[in-house]
Every structure is written in structure tokens, then in C-alpha cells.
Amino acid sequence: MQRFDSLLRALSQIEEACALAAVFARHPEVERVILYGSRARGNRRTGSDIDLSLQGGDDLTGLVLYSIVRELDDLPLPYSFDVAIHSMIVNEALLEDIRSRGALLYERREGGFRVCGATHP
């Protein structure tokens, strides 16, 4: 029974990652998404939010961020999201934390995208 529970948890995490990727894939302005904070460090607590840093070009604006945040909030997931545009972060300690401990969650590639290390068409 424990193996089945582990499998269900893993499938749930894959489903959640796919739901997040679908949001980012709808926004060509987003090139990469970095997971940071307690979930990236592995010391999250019950109710911890998901901290995300969006990376992209000059067309990644506050309006795009607003649209993404609304879409994330509409997902049937039990999390809240704290989303920032990487180029707009001015806190050096936070930038260093993202650089040193952040985990690549999503990356747009020609012909597809990469989610959590797996490439998809």
C-alpha cells in the first residue's frame, strides 16, 4: 500500500508540474521559470507558498506577470504563488539565493519546453 501511495504522490506532482508548465507555455515572453525559497531549499512547511522567478526579454512586463498570476491562482492547486520578474528584483540577497539555490522549473526551447528536467514537444 505504501508503494501505491508513493506512486499517487508522484503522479500528483507530475500533474501539478504539467499544469504550471501549461500556464507558462501560453506566454511566449517567459523563457525560464526558477523555483526558489523554502520549496527549492527543501525546508517548506505546510502552507508554504511557491516562489517563482520569471526570466525573459523586454517583453516580459508587469501586464504579463499579472496575467500569469491570475492563471496560476485559477489552477485547482492547494498553493499560493509569489511570482516575480527576475530582472525587476533589486534585493541582492534574494538574487543570490535564487542563483545559488534556485531550481529550474520551466524552460522554453525551440519546438517545445523543458519542465523539471524533462523535455516536451
PDB file of N, CA and C in Angstrom:
ATOM      1  N   MET A   1       0.818  -1.196   0.000  1.00  0.00           N
ATOM      2  CA  MET A   1       0.000   0.000   0.000  1.00  0.00           C
ATOM      3  C   MET A   1       0.863   1.261   0.000  1.00  0.00           C
ATOM      4  N   GLN A   2       1.993   1.212   0.697  1.00  0.00           N
ATOM      5  CA  GLN A   2       2.869   2.371   0.760  1.00  0.00           C
ATOM      6  C   GLN A   2       3.423   2.711  -0.622  1.00  0.00           C
ATOM      7  N   ARG A   3       3.763   1.697  -1.423  1.00  0.00           N
ATOM      8  CA  ARG A   3       4.279   1.938  -2.768  1.00  0.00           C
ATOM      9  C   ARG A   3       3.211   2.611  -3.629  1.00  0.00           C
ATOM     10  N   PHE A   4       1.955   2.192  -3.470  1.00  0.00           N
ATOM     11  CA  PHE A   4       0.857   2.788  -4.217  1.00  0.00           C
ATOM     12  C   PHE A   4       0.684   4.252  -3.821  1.00  0.00           C
ATOM     13  N   ASP A   5       0.756   4.552  -2.520  1.00  0.00           N
ATOM     14  CA  ASP A   5       0.651   5.933  -2.049  1.00  0.00           C
ATOM     15  C   ASP A   5       1.775   6.782  -2.616  1.00  0.00           C
ATOM     16  N   SER A   6       2.982   6.235  -2.648  1.00  0.00           N
ATOM     17  CA  SER A   6       4.123   6.961  -3.213  1.00  0.00           C
ATOM     18  C   SER A   6       3.902   7.236  -4.694  1.00  0.00           C
ATOM     19  N   LEU A   7       3.373   6.265  -5.399  1.00  0.00           N
ATOM     20  CA  LEU A   7       3.088   6.431  -6.821  1.00  0.00           C
ATOM     21  C   LEU A   7       2.036   7.513  -7.035  1.00  0.00           C
ATOM     22  N   LEU A   8       0.995   7.509  -6.227  1.00  0.00           N
ATOM     23  CA  LEU A   8      -0.044   8.533  -6.349  1.00  0.00           C
ATOM     24  C   LEU A   8       0.518   9.927  -6.086  1.00  0.00           C
ATOM     25  N   ARG A   9       1.385  10.051  -5.086  1.00  0.00           N
ATOM     26  CA  ARG A   9       2.015  11.345  -4.799  1.00  0.00           C
ATOM     27  C   ARG A   9       2.868  11.799  -5.976  1.00  0.00           C
ATOM     28  N   ALA A  10       3.644  10.887  -6.543  1.00  0.00           N
ATOM     29  CA  ALA A  10       4.497  11.220  -7.689  1.00  0.00           C
ATOM     30  C   ALA A  10       3.651  11.646  -8.886  1.00  0.00           C
ATOM     31  N   LEU A  11       2.575  10.930  -9.149  1.00  0.00           N
ATOM     32  CA  LEU A  11       1.696  11.293 -10.265  1.00  0.00           C
ATOM     33  C   LEU A  11       1.046  12.650 -10.030  1.00  0.00           C
ATOM     34  N   SER A  12       0.679  12.926  -8.798  1.00  0.00           N
ATOM     35  CA  SER A  12       0.091  14.215  -8.460  1.00  0.00           C
ATOM     36  C   SER A  12       1.089  15.341  -8.710  1.00  0.00           C
ATOM     37  N   GLN A  13       2.350  15.126  -8.343  1.00  0.00           N
ATOM     38  CA  GLN A  13       3.382  16.138  -8.568  1.00  0.00           C
ATOM     39  C   GLN A  13       3.613  16.363 -10.057  1.00  0.00           C
ATOM     40  N   ILE A  14       3.583  15.299 -10.845  1.00  0.00           N
ATOM     41  CA  ILE A  14       3.739  15.431 -12.293  1.00  0.00           C
ATOM     42  C   ILE A  14       2.573  16.226 -12.869  1.00  0.00           C
ATOM     43  N   GLU A  15       1.369  15.911 -12.420  1.00  0.00           N
ATOM     44  CA  GLU A  15       0.176  16.633 -12.866  1.00  0.00           C
ATOM     45  C   GLU A  15       0.280  18.115 -12.535  1.00  0.00           C
ATOM     46  N   GLU A  16       0.747  18.432 -11.331  1.00  0.00           N
ATOM     47  CA  GLU A  16       0.892  19.821 -10.915  1.00  0.00           C
ATOM     48  C   GLU A  16       1.939  20.533 -11.760  1.00  0.00           C
ATOM     49  N   ALA A  17       3.071  19.881 -12.019  1.00  0.00           N
ATOM     50  CA  ALA A  17       4.123  20.475 -12.845  1.00  0.00           C
ATOM     51  C   ALA A  17       3.606  20.734 -14.255  1.00  0.00           C
ATOM     52  N   CYS A  18       2.820  19.817 -14.787  1.00  0.00           N
ATOM     53  CA  CYS A  18       2.247  19.996 -16.126  1.00  0.00           C
ATOM     54  C   CYS A  18       1.261  21.161 -16.150  1.00  0.00           C
ATOM     55  N   ALA A  19       0.477  21.313 -15.100  1.00  0.00           N
ATOM     56  CA  ALA A  19      -0.472  22.427 -15.029  1.00  0.00           C
ATOM     57  C   ALA A  19       0.268  23.759 -15.004  1.00  0.00           C
ATOM     58  N   LEU A  20       1.354  23.831 -14.234  1.00  0.00           N
ATOM     59  CA  LEU A  20       2.159  25.051 -14.194  1.00  0.00           C
ATOM     60  C   LEU A  20       2.789  25.317 -15.557  1.00  0.00           C
ATOM     61  N   ALA A  21       3.355  24.278 -16.165  1.00  0.00           N
ATOM     62  CA  ALA A  21       4.007  24.429 -17.467  1.00  0.00           C
ATOM     63  C   ALA A  21       3.027  24.935 -18.513  1.00  0.00           C
ATOM     64  N   ALA A  22       1.791  24.474 -18.458  1.00  0.00           N
ATOM     65  CA  ALA A  22       0.787  24.916 -19.425  1.00  0.00           C
ATOM     66  C   ALA A  22       0.552  26.421 -19.322  1.00  0.00           C
ATOM     67  N   VAL A  23       0.568  26.944 -18.105  1.00  0.00           N
ATOM     68  CA  VAL A  23       0.415  28.392 -17.924  1.00  0.00           C
ATOM     69  C   VAL A  23       1.590  29.115 -18.570  1.00  0.00           C
ATOM     70  N   PHE A  24       2.805  28.693 -18.274  1.00  0.00           N
ATOM     71  CA  PHE A  24       3.980  29.384 -18.813  1.00  0.00           C
ATOM     72  C   PHE A  24       4.073  29.237 -20.328  1.00  0.00           C
ATOM     73  N   ALA A  25       3.680  28.082 -20.836  1.00  0.00           N
ATOM     74  CA  ALA A  25       3.750  27.834 -22.283  1.00  0.00           C
ATOM     75  C   ALA A  25       2.815  28.760 -23.054  1.00  0.00           C
ATOM     76  N   ARG A  26       1.749  29.225 -22.422  1.00  0.00           N
ATOM     77  CA  ARG A  26       0.825  30.158 -23.081  1.00  0.00           C
ATOM     78  C   ARG A  26       1.392  31.568 -23.176  1.00  0.00           C
ATOM     79  N   HIS A  27       2.533  31.802 -22.554  1.00  0.00           N
ATOM     80  CA  HIS A  27       3.129  33.139 -22.535  1.00  0.00           C
ATOM     81  C   HIS A  27       4.535  33.078 -23.134  1.00  0.00           C
ATOM     82  N   PRO A  28       4.652  33.354 -24.434  1.00  0.00           N
ATOM     83  CA  PRO A  28       5.960  33.251 -25.088  1.00  0.00           C
ATOM     84  C   PRO A  28       6.999  34.217 -24.522  1.00  0.00           C
ATOM     85  N   GLU A  29       6.565  35.194 -23.750  1.00  0.00           N
ATOM     86  CA  GLU A  29       7.502  36.138 -23.132  1.00  0.00           C
ATOM     87  C   GLU A  29       8.345  35.466 -22.054  1.00  0.00           C
ATOM     88  N   VAL A  30       7.853  34.365 -21.518  1.00  0.00           N
ATOM     89  CA  VAL A  30       8.550  33.652 -20.438  1.00  0.00           C
ATOM     90  C   VAL A  30       9.524  32.651 -21.053  1.00  0.00           C
ATOM     91  N   GLU A  31      10.803  32.845 -20.765  1.00  0.00           N
ATOM     92  CA  GLU A  31      11.833  31.931 -21.271  1.00  0.00           C
ATOM     93  C   GLU A  31      12.194  30.867 -20.242  1.00  0.00           C
ATOM     94  N   ARG A  32      12.256  31.267 -18.968  1.00  0.00           N
ATOM     95  CA  ARG A  32      12.620  30.343 -17.890  1.00  0.00           C
ATOM     96  C   ARG A  32      11.843  30.707 -16.632  1.00  0.00           C
ATOM     97  N   VAL A  33      11.596  29.692 -15.819  1.00  0.00           N
ATOM     98  CA  VAL A  33      10.980  29.908 -14.509  1.00  0.00           C
ATOM     99  C   VAL A  33      11.839  29.173 -13.488  1.00  0.00           C
ATOM    100  N   ILE A  34      12.271  29.913 -12.483  1.00  0.00           N
ATOM    101  CA  ILE A  34      13.109  29.360 -11.424  1.00  0.00           C
ATOM    102  C   ILE A  34      12.284  29.267 -10.140  1.00  0.00           C
ATOM    103  N   LEU A  35      12.267  28.076  -9.553  1.00  0.00           N
ATOM    104  CA  LEU A  35      11.655  27.861  -8.245  1.00  0.00           C
ATOM    105  C   LEU A  35      12.698  28.222  -7.198  1.00  0.00           C
ATOM    106  N   TYR A  36      12.324  29.040  -6.225  1.00  0.00           N
ATOM    107  CA  TYR A  36      13.264  29.394  -5.160  1.00  0.00           C
ATOM    108  C   TYR A  36      12.524  29.424  -3.830  1.00  0.00           C
ATOM    109  N   GLY A  37      13.230  29.770  -2.781  1.00  0.00           N
ATOM    110  CA  GLY A  37      12.610  29.832  -1.462  1.00  0.00           C
ATOM    111  C   GLY A  37      12.578  28.476  -0.787  1.00  0.00           C
ATOM    112  N   SER A  38      11.672  28.329   0.165  1.00  0.00           N
ATOM    113  CA  SER A  38      11.653  27.123   1.004  1.00  0.00           C
ATOM    114  C   SER A  38      11.398  25.849   0.209  1.00  0.00           C
ATOM    115  N   ARG A  39      10.618  25.924  -0.844  1.00  0.00           N
ATOM    116  CA  ARG A  39      10.355  24.710  -1.634  1.00  0.00           C
ATOM    117  C   ARG A  39      11.587  24.281  -2.420  1.00  0.00           C
ATOM    118  N   ALA A  40      12.402  25.212  -2.861  1.00  0.00           N
ATOM    119  CA  ALA A  40      13.643  24.858  -3.564  1.00  0.00           C
ATOM    120  C   ALA A  40      14.698  24.364  -2.578  1.00  0.00           C
ATOM    121  N   ARG A  41      14.706  24.937  -1.373  1.00  0.00           N
ATOM    122  CA  ARG A  41      15.691  24.536  -0.356  1.00  0.00           C
ATOM    123  C   ARG A  41      15.319  23.223   0.323  1.00  0.00           C
ATOM    124  N   GLY A  42      14.046  22.829   0.199  1.00  0.00           N
ATOM    125  CA  GLY A  42      13.605  21.581   0.815  1.00  0.00           C
ATOM    126  C   GLY A  42      13.180  21.724   2.262  1.00  0.00           C
ATOM    127  N   ASN A  43      12.975  22.953   2.728  1.00  0.00           N
ATOM    128  CA  ASN A  43      12.548  23.144   4.120  1.00  0.00           C
ATOM    129  C   ASN A  43      11.162  23.800   4.200  1.00  0.00           C
ATOM    130  N   ARG A  44      10.312  23.473   3.253  1.00  0.00           N
ATOM    131  CA  ARG A  44       8.971  24.043   3.245  1.00  0.00           C
ATOM    132  C   ARG A  44       8.156  23.500   4.407  1.00  0.00           C
ATOM    133  N   ARG A  45       7.157  24.259   4.754  1.00  0.00           N
ATOM    134  CA  ARG A  45       6.223  23.848   5.797  1.00  0.00           C
ATOM    135  C   ARG A  45       4.834  23.757   5.185  1.00  0.00           C
ATOM    136  N   THR A  46       3.925  23.182   5.914  1.00  0.00           N
ATOM    137  CA  THR A  46       2.543  23.144   5.453  1.00  0.00           C
ATOM    138  C   THR A  46       2.077  24.574   5.213  1.00  0.00           C
ATOM    139  N   GLY A  47       1.522  24.812   4.055  1.00  0.00           N
ATOM    140  CA  GLY A  47       1.035  26.151   3.736  1.00  0.00           C
ATOM    141  C   GLY A  47       2.065  27.070   3.114  1.00  0.00           C
ATOM    142  N   SER A  48       3.304  26.601   2.940  1.00  0.00           N
ATOM    143  CA  SER A  48       4.323  27.435   2.295  1.00  0.00           C
ATOM    144  C   SER A  48       3.894  27.764   0.877  1.00  0.00           C
ATOM    145  N   ASP A  49       4.142  29.014   0.481  1.00  0.00           N
ATOM    146  CA  ASP A  49       3.805  29.383  -0.889  1.00  0.00           C
ATOM    147  C   ASP A  49       4.877  28.872  -1.849  1.00  0.00           C
ATOM    148  N   ILE A  50       4.612  29.035  -3.123  1.00  0.00           N
ATOM    149  CA  ILE A  50       5.564  28.650  -4.155  1.00  0.00           C
ATOM    150  C   ILE A  50       6.152  29.931  -4.717  1.00  0.00           C
ATOM    151  N   ASP A  51       7.461  30.112  -4.536  1.00  0.00           N
ATOM    152  CA  ASP A  51       8.163  31.300  -5.012  1.00  0.00           C
ATOM    153  C   ASP A  51       8.723  31.027  -6.395  1.00  0.00           C
ATOM    154  N   LEU A  52       8.365  31.879  -7.359  1.00  0.00           N
ATOM    155  CA  LEU A  52       8.799  31.699  -8.737  1.00  0.00           C
ATOM    156  C   LEU A  52       9.408  32.986  -9.276  1.00  0.00           C
ATOM    157  N   SER A  53      10.524  32.843  -9.971  1.00  0.00           N
ATOM    158  CA  SER A  53      11.173  33.960 -10.647  1.00  0.00           C
ATOM    159  C   SER A  53      11.057  33.719 -12.150  1.00  0.00           C
ATOM    160  N   LEU A  54      10.410  34.654 -12.851  1.00  0.00           N
ATOM    161  CA  LEU A  54      10.229  34.542 -14.294  1.00  0.00           C
ATOM    162  C   LEU A  54      11.370  35.253 -15.007  1.00  0.00           C
ATOM    163  N   GLN A  55      11.945  34.598 -15.997  1.00  0.00           N
ATOM    164  CA  GLN A  55      13.018  35.202 -16.780  1.00  0.00           C
ATOM    165  C   GLN A  55      12.594  35.279 -18.234  1.00  0.00           C
ATOM    166  N   GLY A  56      12.961  36.373 -18.880  1.00  0.00           N
ATOM    167  CA  GLY A  56      12.617  36.574 -20.281  1.00  0.00           C
ATOM    168  C   GLY A  56      13.207  37.875 -20.771  1.00  0.00           C
ATOM    169  N   GLY A  57      12.758  38.315 -21.925  1.00  0.00           N
ATOM    170  CA  GLY A  57      13.261  39.544 -22.525  1.00  0.00           C
ATOM    171  C   GLY A  57      12.473  40.757 -22.076  1.00  0.00           C
ATOM    172  N   ASP A  58      12.653  41.844 -22.827  1.00  0.00           N
ATOM    173  CA  ASP A  58      11.988  43.107 -22.504  1.00  0.00           C
ATOM    174  C   ASP A  58      10.471  43.028 -22.616  1.00  0.00           C
ATOM    175  N   ASP A  59       9.968  42.037 -23.348  1.00  0.00           N
ATOM    176  CA  ASP A  59       8.518  41.908 -23.497  1.00  0.00           C
ATOM    177  C   ASP A  59       7.854  41.217 -22.300  1.00  0.00           C
ATOM    178  N   LEU A  60       8.655  40.792 -21.330  1.00  0.00           N
ATOM    179  CA  LEU A  60       8.113  40.230 -20.089  1.00  0.00           C
ATOM    180  C   LEU A  60       7.837  41.400 -19.145  1.00  0.00           C
ATOM    181  N   THR A  61       6.598  41.850 -19.142  1.00  0.00           N
ATOM    182  CA  THR A  61       6.210  43.069 -18.437  1.00  0.00           C
ATOM    183  C   THR A  61       5.312  42.762 -17.241  1.00  0.00           C
ATOM    184  N   GLY A  62       5.002  43.811 -16.509  1.00  0.00           N
ATOM    185  CA  GLY A  62       4.086  43.683 -15.386  1.00  0.00           C
ATOM    186  C   GLY A  62       2.715  43.190 -15.809  1.00  0.00           C
ATOM    187  N   LEU A  63       2.278  43.574 -16.997  1.00  0.00           N
ATOM    188  CA  LEU A  63       0.986  43.118 -17.504  1.00  0.00           C
ATOM    189  C   LEU A  63       0.992  41.609 -17.746  1.00  0.00           C
ATOM    190  N   VAL A  64       2.091  41.098 -18.298  1.00  0.00           N
ATOM    191  CA  VAL A  64       2.234  39.649 -18.498  1.00  0.00           C
ATOM    192  C   VAL A  64       2.262  38.952 -17.138  1.00  0.00           C
ATOM    193  N   LEU A  65       3.020  39.516 -16.194  1.00  0.00           N
ATOM    194  CA  LEU A  65       3.092  38.952 -14.844  1.00  0.00           C
ATOM    195  C   LEU A  65       1.698  38.862 -14.226  1.00  0.00           C
ATOM    196  N   TYR A  66       0.934  39.921 -14.345  1.00  0.00           N
ATOM    197  CA  TYR A  66      -0.425  39.947 -13.795  1.00  0.00           C
ATOM    198  C   TYR A  66      -1.276  38.830 -14.399  1.00  0.00           C
ATOM    199  N   SER A  67      -1.176  38.662 -15.697  1.00  0.00           N
ATOM    200  CA  SER A  67      -1.939  37.617 -16.379  1.00  0.00           C
ATOM    201  C   SER A  67      -1.532  36.227 -15.885  1.00  0.00           C
ATOM    202  N   ILE A  68      -0.238  36.008 -15.733  1.00  0.00           N
ATOM    203  CA  ILE A  68       0.265  34.713 -15.260  1.00  0.00           C
ATOM    204  C   ILE A  68      -0.204  34.439 -13.835  1.00  0.00           C
ATOM    205  N   VAL A  69      -0.110  35.438 -12.981  1.00  0.00           N
ATOM    206  CA  VAL A  69      -0.535  35.268 -11.585  1.00  0.00           C
ATOM    207  C   VAL A  69      -2.023  34.909 -11.522  1.00  0.00           C
ATOM    208  N   ARG A  70      -2.830  35.562 -12.329  1.00  0.00           N
ATOM    209  CA  ARG A  70      -4.271  35.235 -12.356  1.00  0.00           C
ATOM    210  C   ARG A  70      -4.492  33.795 -12.798  1.00  0.00           C
ATOM    211  N   GLU A  71      -3.759  33.364 -13.835  1.00  0.00           N
ATOM    212  CA  GLU A  71      -3.911  31.988 -14.319  1.00  0.00           C
ATOM    213  C   GLU A  71      -3.451  30.977 -13.269  1.00  0.00           C
ATOM    214  N   LEU A  72      -2.348  31.278 -12.584  1.00  0.00           N
ATOM    215  CA  LEU A  72      -1.863  30.373 -11.538  1.00  0.00           C
ATOM    216  C   LEU A  72      -2.872  30.279 -10.400  1.00  0.00           C
ATOM    217  N   ASP A  73      -3.424  31.413 -10.018  1.00  0.00           N
ATOM    218  CA  ASP A  73      -4.410  31.421  -8.933  1.00  0.00           C
ATOM    219  C   ASP A  73      -5.684  30.664  -9.306  1.00  0.00           C
ATOM    220  N   ASP A  74      -5.975  30.575 -10.592  1.00  0.00           N
ATOM    221  CA  ASP A  74      -7.169  29.854 -11.049  1.00  0.00           C
ATOM    222  C   ASP A  74      -6.963  28.342 -11.128  1.00  0.00           C
ATOM    223  N   LEU A  75      -5.716  27.887 -11.016  1.00  0.00           N
ATOM    224  CA  LEU A  75      -5.456  26.449 -11.072  1.00  0.00           C
ATOM    225  C   LEU A  75      -6.034  25.763  -9.831  1.00  0.00           C
ATOM    226  N   PRO A  76      -6.511  24.543  -9.978  1.00  0.00           N
ATOM    227  CA  PRO A  76      -7.060  23.822  -8.825  1.00  0.00           C
ATOM    228  C   PRO A  76      -5.944  23.194  -7.979  1.00  0.00           C
ATOM    229  N   LEU A  77      -5.029  24.043  -7.515  1.00  0.00           N
ATOM    230  CA  LEU A  77      -3.902  23.574  -6.709  1.00  0.00           C
ATOM    231  C   LEU A  77      -4.000  24.182  -5.316  1.00  0.00           C
ATOM    232  N   PRO A  78      -3.550  23.467  -4.299  1.00  0.00           N
ATOM    233  CA  PRO A  78      -3.677  23.948  -2.916  1.00  0.00           C
ATOM    234  C   PRO A  78      -2.535  24.864  -2.476  1.00  0.00           C
ATOM    235  N   TYR A  79      -2.009  25.669  -3.392  1.00  0.00           N
ATOM    236  CA  TYR A  79      -0.864  26.522  -3.076  1.00  0.00           C
ATOM    237  C   TYR A  79      -1.179  27.964  -3.427  1.00  0.00           C
ATOM    238  N   SER A  80      -0.466  28.855  -2.752  1.00  0.00           N
ATOM    239  CA  SER A  80      -0.454  30.245  -3.190  1.00  0.00           C
ATOM    240  C   SER A  80       0.896  30.478  -3.865  1.00  0.00           C
ATOM    241  N   PHE A  81       0.943  31.460  -4.743  1.00  0.00           N
ATOM    242  CA  PHE A  81       2.142  31.717  -5.526  1.00  0.00           C
ATOM    243  C   PHE A  81       2.656  33.116  -5.261  1.00  0.00           C
ATOM    244  N   ASP A  82       3.975  33.229  -5.158  1.00  0.00           N
ATOM    245  CA  ASP A  82       4.650  34.515  -5.082  1.00  0.00           C
ATOM    246  C   ASP A  82       5.522  34.567  -6.332  1.00  0.00           C
ATOM    247  N   VAL A  83       5.131  35.391  -7.292  1.00  0.00           N
ATOM    248  CA  VAL A  83       5.775  35.393  -8.602  1.00  0.00           C
ATOM    249  C   VAL A  83       6.401  36.758  -8.854  1.00  0.00           C
ATOM    250  N   ALA A  84       7.641  36.755  -9.340  1.00  0.00           N
ATOM    251  CA  ALA A  84       8.352  37.997  -9.632  1.00  0.00           C
ATOM    252  C   ALA A  84       9.048  37.891 -10.983  1.00  0.00           C
ATOM    253  N   ILE A  85       9.222  39.041 -11.623  1.00  0.00           N
ATOM    254  CA  ILE A  85      10.044  39.106 -12.830  1.00  0.00           C
ATOM    255  C   ILE A  85      11.481  39.272 -12.366  1.00  0.00           C
ATOM    256  N   HIS A  86      12.326  38.350 -12.765  1.00  0.00           N
ATOM    257  CA  HIS A  86      13.705  38.301 -12.270  1.00  0.00           C
ATOM    258  C   HIS A  86      14.438  39.630 -12.465  1.00  0.00           C
ATOM    259  N   SER A  87      14.300  40.233 -13.629  1.00  0.00           N
ATOM    260  CA  SER A  87      15.033  41.469 -13.922  1.00  0.00           C
ATOM    261  C   SER A  87      14.568  42.646 -13.072  1.00  0.00           C
ATOM    262  N   MET A  88      13.437  42.514 -12.397  1.00  0.00           N
ATOM    263  CA  MET A  88      12.921  43.595 -11.556  1.00  0.00           C
ATOM    264  C   MET A  88      13.246  43.404 -10.077  1.00  0.00           C
ATOM    265  N   ILE A  89      13.869  42.300  -9.730  1.00  0.00           N
ATOM    266  CA  ILE A  89      14.242  42.050  -8.336  1.00  0.00           C
ATOM    267  C   ILE A  89      15.494  42.863  -8.022  1.00  0.00           C
ATOM    268  N   VAL A  90      15.448  43.660  -6.975  1.00  0.00           N
ATOM    269  CA  VAL A  90      16.586  44.510  -6.619  1.00  0.00           C
ATOM    270  C   VAL A  90      17.287  44.049  -5.343  1.00  0.00           C
ATOM    271  N   ASN A  91      16.674  43.168  -4.590  1.00  0.00           N
ATOM    272  CA  ASN A  91      17.258  42.672  -3.347  1.00  0.00           C
ATOM    273  C   ASN A  91      18.395  41.702  -3.676  1.00  0.00           C
ATOM    274  N   GLU A  92      19.631  42.118  -3.397  1.00  0.00           N
ATOM    275  CA  GLU A  92      20.810  41.310  -3.755  1.00  0.00           C
ATOM    276  C   GLU A  92      20.839  39.964  -3.033  1.00  0.00           C
ATOM    277  N   ALA A  93      20.412  39.937  -1.782  1.00  0.00           N
ATOM    278  CA  ALA A  93      20.394  38.670  -1.040  1.00  0.00           C
ATOM    279  C   ALA A  93      19.408  37.691  -1.680  1.00  0.00           C
ATOM    280  N   LEU A  94      18.275  38.197  -2.109  1.00  0.00           N
ATOM    281  CA  LEU A  94      17.287  37.351  -2.774  1.00  0.00           C
ATOM    282  C   LEU A  94      17.825  36.855  -4.115  1.00  0.00           C
ATOM    283  N   LEU A  95      18.455  37.738  -4.873  1.00  0.00           N
ATOM    284  CA  LEU A  95      19.044  37.332  -6.155  1.00  0.00           C
ATOM    285  C   LEU A  95      20.101  36.249  -5.955  1.00  0.00           C
ATOM    286  N   GLU A  96      20.906  36.389  -4.915  1.00  0.00           N
ATOM    287  CA  GLU A  96      21.933  35.375  -4.636  1.00  0.00           C
ATOM    288  C   GLU A  96      21.292  34.045  -4.243  1.00  0.00           C
ATOM    289  N   ASP A  97      20.215  34.103  -3.467  1.00  0.00           N
ATOM    290  CA  ASP A  97      19.501  32.880  -3.086  1.00  0.00           C
ATOM    291  C   ASP A  97      18.943  32.185  -4.327  1.00  0.00           C
ATOM    292  N   ILE A  98      18.382  32.958  -5.238  1.00  0.00           N
ATOM    293  CA  ILE A  98      17.841  32.381  -6.477  1.00  0.00           C
ATOM    294  C   ILE A  98      18.966  31.765  -7.299  1.00  0.00           C
ATOM    295  N   ARG A  99      20.094  32.469  -7.414  1.00  0.00           N
ATOM    296  CA  ARG A  99      21.241  31.955  -8.184  1.00  0.00           C
ATOM    297  C   ARG A  99      21.815  30.685  -7.574  1.00  0.00           C
ATOM    298  N   SER A 100      21.962  30.671  -6.261  1.00  0.00           N
ATOM    299  CA  SER A 100      22.670  29.557  -5.627  1.00  0.00           C
ATOM    300  C   SER A 100      21.772  28.360  -5.298  1.00  0.00           C
ATOM    301  N   ARG A 101      20.511  28.611  -4.986  1.00  0.00           N
ATOM    302  CA  ARG A 101      19.647  27.518  -4.535  1.00  0.00           C
ATOM    303  C   ARG A 101      18.422  27.291  -5.408  1.00  0.00           C
ATOM    304  N   GLY A 102      18.214  28.154  -6.380  1.00  0.00           N
ATOM    305  CA  GLY A 102      17.038  28.031  -7.235  1.00  0.00           C
ATOM    306  C   GLY A 102      17.093  26.778  -8.095  1.00  0.00           C
ATOM    307  N   ALA A 103      15.927  26.302  -8.472  1.00  0.00           N
ATOM    308  CA  ALA A 103      15.812  25.103  -9.311  1.00  0.00           C
ATOM    309  C   ALA A 103      15.029  25.455 -10.571  1.00  0.00           C
ATOM    310  N   LEU A 104      15.562  25.060 -11.718  1.00  0.00           N
ATOM    311  CA  LEU A 104      14.878  25.315 -12.979  1.00  0.00           C
ATOM    312  C   LEU A 104      13.580  24.515 -13.017  1.00  0.00           C
ATOM    313  N   LEU A 105      12.474  25.215 -13.111  1.00  0.00           N
ATOM    314  CA  LEU A 105      11.166  24.568 -13.153  1.00  0.00           C
ATOM    315  C   LEU A 105      10.663  24.452 -14.591  1.00  0.00           C
ATOM    316  N   TYR A 106      10.937  25.483 -15.405  1.00  0.00           N
ATOM    317  CA  TYR A 106      10.422  25.531 -16.773  1.00  0.00           C
ATOM    318  C   TYR A 106      11.428  26.264 -17.644  1.00  0.00           C
ATOM    319  N   GLU A 107      11.608  25.768 -18.861  1.00  0.00           N
ATOM    320  CA  GLU A 107      12.472  26.447 -19.827  1.00  0.00           C
ATOM    321  C   GLU A 107      11.876  26.271 -21.211  1.00  0.00           C
ATOM    322  N   ARG A 108      11.670  27.389 -21.896  1.00  0.00           N
ATOM    323  CA  ARG A 108      11.163  27.346 -23.267  1.00  0.00           C
ATOM    324  C   ARG A 108      12.320  26.988 -24.186  1.00  0.00           C
ATOM    325  N   ARG A 109      12.049  26.077 -25.095  1.00  0.00           N
ATOM    326  CA  ARG A 109      13.050  25.665 -26.079  1.00  0.00           C
ATOM    327  C   ARG A 109      12.407  25.691 -27.454  1.00  0.00           C
ATOM    328  N   GLU A 110      13.248  25.793 -28.472  1.00  0.00           N
ATOM    329  CA  GLU A 110      12.712  25.763 -29.827  1.00  0.00           C
ATOM    330  C   GLU A 110      11.981  24.436 -30.047  1.00  0.00           C
ATOM    331  N   GLY A 111      10.734  24.528 -30.443  1.00  0.00           N
ATOM    332  CA  GLY A 111       9.952  23.329 -30.701  1.00  0.00           C
ATOM    333  C   GLY A 111       9.347  22.687 -29.467  1.00  0.00           C
ATOM    334  N   GLY A 112       9.497  23.294 -28.302  1.00  0.00           N
ATOM    335  CA  GLY A 112       8.924  22.688 -27.104  1.00  0.00           C
ATOM    336  C   GLY A 112       9.355  23.413 -25.849  1.00  0.00           C
ATOM    337  N   PHE A 113       9.363  22.690 -24.743  1.00  0.00           N
ATOM    338  CA  PHE A 113       9.774  23.266 -23.472  1.00  0.00           C
ATOM    339  C   PHE A 113      10.304  22.166 -22.578  1.00  0.00           C
ATOM    340  N   ARG A 114      10.938  22.594 -21.513  1.00  0.00           N
ATOM    341  CA  ARG A 114      11.518  21.666 -20.544  1.00  0.00           C
ATOM    342  C   ARG A 114      10.878  21.948 -19.188  1.00  0.00           C
ATOM    343  N   VAL A 115      10.400  20.896 -18.539  1.00  0.00           N
ATOM    344  CA  VAL A 115       9.792  21.026 -17.216  1.00  0.00           C
ATOM    345  C   VAL A 115      10.495  20.070 -16.273  1.00  0.00           C
ATOM    346  N   CYS A 116      11.041  20.602 -15.191  1.00  0.00           N
ATOM    347  CA  CYS A 116      11.669  19.774 -14.157  1.00  0.00           C
ATOM    348  C   CYS A 116      12.658  18.774 -14.757  1.00  0.00           C
ATOM    349  N   GLY A 117      13.413  19.192 -15.748  1.00  0.00           N
ATOM    350  CA  GLY A 117      14.450  18.345 -16.322  1.00  0.00           C
ATOM    351  C   GLY A 117      14.028  17.485 -17.490  1.00  0.00           C
ATOM    352  N   ALA A 118      12.742  17.430 -17.813  1.00  0.00           N
ATOM    353  CA  ALA A 118      12.271  16.607 -18.933  1.00  0.00           C
ATOM    354  C   ALA A 118      11.846  17.513 -20.090  1.00  0.00           C
ATOM    355  N   THR A 119      12.273  17.185 -21.296  1.00  0.00           N
ATOM    356  CA  THR A 119      11.931  17.976 -22.476  1.00  0.00           C
ATOM    357  C   THR A 119      10.648  17.453 -23.104  1.00  0.00           C
ATOM    358  N   HIS A 120       9.779  18.392 -23.500  1.00  0.00           N
ATOM    359  CA  HIS A 120       8.484  18.046 -24.100  1.00  0.00           C
ATOM    360  C   HIS A 120       8.330  18.782 -25.421  1.00  0.00           C
ATOM    361  N   PRO A 121       7.712  18.150 -26.397  1.00  0.00           N
ATOM    362  CA  PRO A 121       7.482  18.831 -27.684  1.00  0.00           C
ATOM    363  C   PRO A 121       6.388  19.874 -27.557  1.00  0.00           C
TER     364      PRO A 121
END
